[in-house]
Amino acid sequence: MANGSFPFRLREPRSPFSFPVLVEYKDELRRHLARNISSTGIYLDADPPYPIGAILRIVFTYPGSDVELTAIGEVRHHECHATEILGESVEIMGVGIAFLRFEDGVVRSVQRLAS
């Protein structure tokens, strides 16, 4: 397993959407592709990955809605996975991020949208 990987099952159901997100970390903005989301966290392609324990500001529009959401999250694990880019299979790092907080009332919307 990659550094920081976790050997336990995810407790919340994940919705397998791919959508763009904007991440702010240490005054730097990076664009990423989210691979899944739940009410408690999000998984992003991030190569190079952010450090375990890093606190990130994540801005995204949930698939199927017009509402922009902003979350603060903590990187909990790294994972290497295969993905397809321009028709070619490549290995890429990803990060699992636990949501720490949202703007007011957003967590209820994410729970509803993710289920």
Protein backbone atom coordinates (compact mmCIF):
# COMPACT_ATOMS: atom_id res chain seq x y z
CA MET A 1 0.00 0.00 0.00
CA ALA A 2 1.11 3.57 -0.61
CA ASN A 3 2.25 5.71 2.29
CA GLY A 4 -0.77 6.71 4.34
CA SER A 5 -3.06 4.12 2.75
CA PHE A 6 -5.78 2.77 4.91
CA PRO A 7 -6.69 -0.92 5.17
CA PHE A 8 -10.25 -0.42 6.43
CA ARG A 9 -13.57 -0.16 4.62
CA LEU A 10 -15.11 3.19 3.79
CA ARG A 11 -18.09 3.84 6.02
CA GLU A 12 -19.99 6.22 3.76
CA PRO A 13 -21.23 5.24 0.31
CA ARG A 14 -19.25 6.93 -2.45
CA SER A 15 -20.75 8.37 -5.63
CA PRO A 16 -18.43 7.55 -8.53
CA PHE A 17 -18.44 10.87 -10.38
CA SER A 18 -15.53 12.45 -12.22
CA PHE A 19 -15.56 16.23 -12.04
CA PRO A 20 -13.08 19.10 -11.83
CA VAL A 21 -12.11 20.68 -8.52
CA LEU A 22 -9.90 23.59 -7.56
CA VAL A 23 -7.60 23.06 -4.56
CA GLU A 24 -5.83 25.73 -2.56
CA TYR A 25 -2.84 24.69 -0.45
CA LYS A 26 -0.20 27.04 0.95
CA ASP A 27 -1.26 29.93 -1.31
CA GLU A 28 -1.02 27.72 -4.42
CA LEU A 29 -4.01 26.81 -6.62
CA ARG A 30 -4.11 23.49 -8.50
CA ARG A 31 -6.81 21.89 -10.63
CA HIS A 32 -7.61 18.20 -10.14
CA LEU A 33 -10.13 15.58 -11.16
CA ALA A 34 -12.33 14.17 -8.41
CA ARG A 35 -13.02 10.43 -8.75
CA ASN A 36 -15.65 9.99 -6.04
CA ILE A 37 -17.35 11.86 -3.24
CA SER A 38 -19.42 11.18 -0.13
CA SER A 39 -20.77 13.31 2.69
CA THR A 40 -17.51 12.74 4.60
CA GLY A 41 -14.82 13.04 1.94
CA ILE A 42 -13.56 13.15 -1.61
CA TYR A 43 -10.93 11.29 -3.64
CA LEU A 44 -8.83 13.27 -6.13
CA ASP A 45 -6.21 12.48 -8.73
CA ALA A 46 -3.23 14.45 -7.40
CA ASP A 47 0.19 13.75 -8.81
CA PRO A 48 2.32 14.77 -7.05
CA PRO A 49 0.13 14.15 -3.99
CA TYR A 50 -0.33 16.55 -1.11
CA PRO A 51 1.30 15.49 2.18
CA ILE A 52 -0.64 13.34 4.64
CA GLY A 53 -2.25 15.72 7.14
CA ALA A 54 -2.26 18.69 4.74
CA ILE A 55 -5.26 20.98 5.15
CA LEU A 56 -6.79 21.94 1.79
CA ARG A 57 -9.50 24.31 0.61
CA ILE A 58 -11.52 22.54 -2.11
CA VAL A 59 -13.93 24.35 -4.43
CA PHE A 60 -16.22 22.42 -6.78
CA THR A 61 -19.65 22.26 -8.36
CA TYR A 62 -21.35 19.00 -7.49
CA PRO A 63 -22.31 17.03 -10.65
CA GLY A 64 -25.88 17.71 -11.69
CA SER A 65 -26.18 20.94 -9.71
CA ASP A 66 -25.31 24.59 -10.25
CA VAL A 67 -24.22 25.18 -6.67
CA GLU A 68 -20.55 25.90 -6.01
CA LEU A 69 -19.38 24.23 -2.80
CA THR A 70 -16.35 25.06 -0.69
CA ALA A 71 -14.94 22.54 1.77
CA ILE A 72 -11.95 22.40 4.07
CA GLY A 73 -10.44 18.93 4.15
CA GLU A 74 -7.49 16.96 5.47
CA VAL A 75 -5.45 14.54 3.35
CA ARG A 76 -5.80 11.13 5.01
CA HIS A 77 -4.19 8.73 2.52
CA HIS A 78 -2.35 8.33 -0.78
CA GLU A 79 -3.07 5.67 -3.37
CA CYS A 80 -1.63 4.81 -6.76
CA HIS A 81 -4.22 3.73 -9.33
CA ALA A 82 -4.51 3.12 -13.06
CA THR A 83 -6.44 5.57 -15.21
CA GLU A 84 -6.80 6.30 -18.89
CA ILE A 85 -5.40 9.51 -20.36
CA LEU A 86 -5.81 10.14 -24.09
CA GLY A 87 -6.55 6.47 -24.65
CA GLU A 88 -3.46 5.27 -22.79
CA SER A 89 -3.42 3.49 -19.41
CA VAL A 90 -1.18 5.25 -16.88
CA GLU A 91 -0.48 4.98 -13.15
CA ILE A 92 -1.34 8.12 -11.20
CA MET A 93 -1.31 9.10 -7.53
CA GLY A 94 -4.49 10.10 -5.78
CA VAL A 95 -5.40 11.42 -2.36
CA GLY A 96 -8.26 10.62 -0.02
CA ILE A 97 -9.47 13.74 1.75
CA ALA A 98 -11.74 13.84 4.80
CA PHE A 99 -14.04 16.86 4.91
CA LEU A 100 -13.50 18.85 8.10
CA ARG A 101 -16.11 21.53 7.45
CA PHE A 102 -18.24 23.20 4.80
CA GLU A 103 -19.85 26.56 4.43
CA ASP A 104 -23.13 26.71 6.41
CA GLY A 105 -25.70 24.06 5.51
CA VAL A 106 -23.64 22.50 2.74
CA VAL A 107 -23.09 19.13 4.43
CA ARG A 108 -26.81 18.34 4.22
CA SER A 109 -26.77 19.09 0.48
CA VAL A 110 -23.74 16.86 -0.08
CA GLN A 111 -25.38 14.02 1.88
CA ARG A 112 -28.50 14.32 -0.29
CA LEU A 113 -26.56 14.59 -3.57
CA ALA A 114 -24.12 11.75 -2.75
CA SER A 115 -26.83 9.21 -1.91
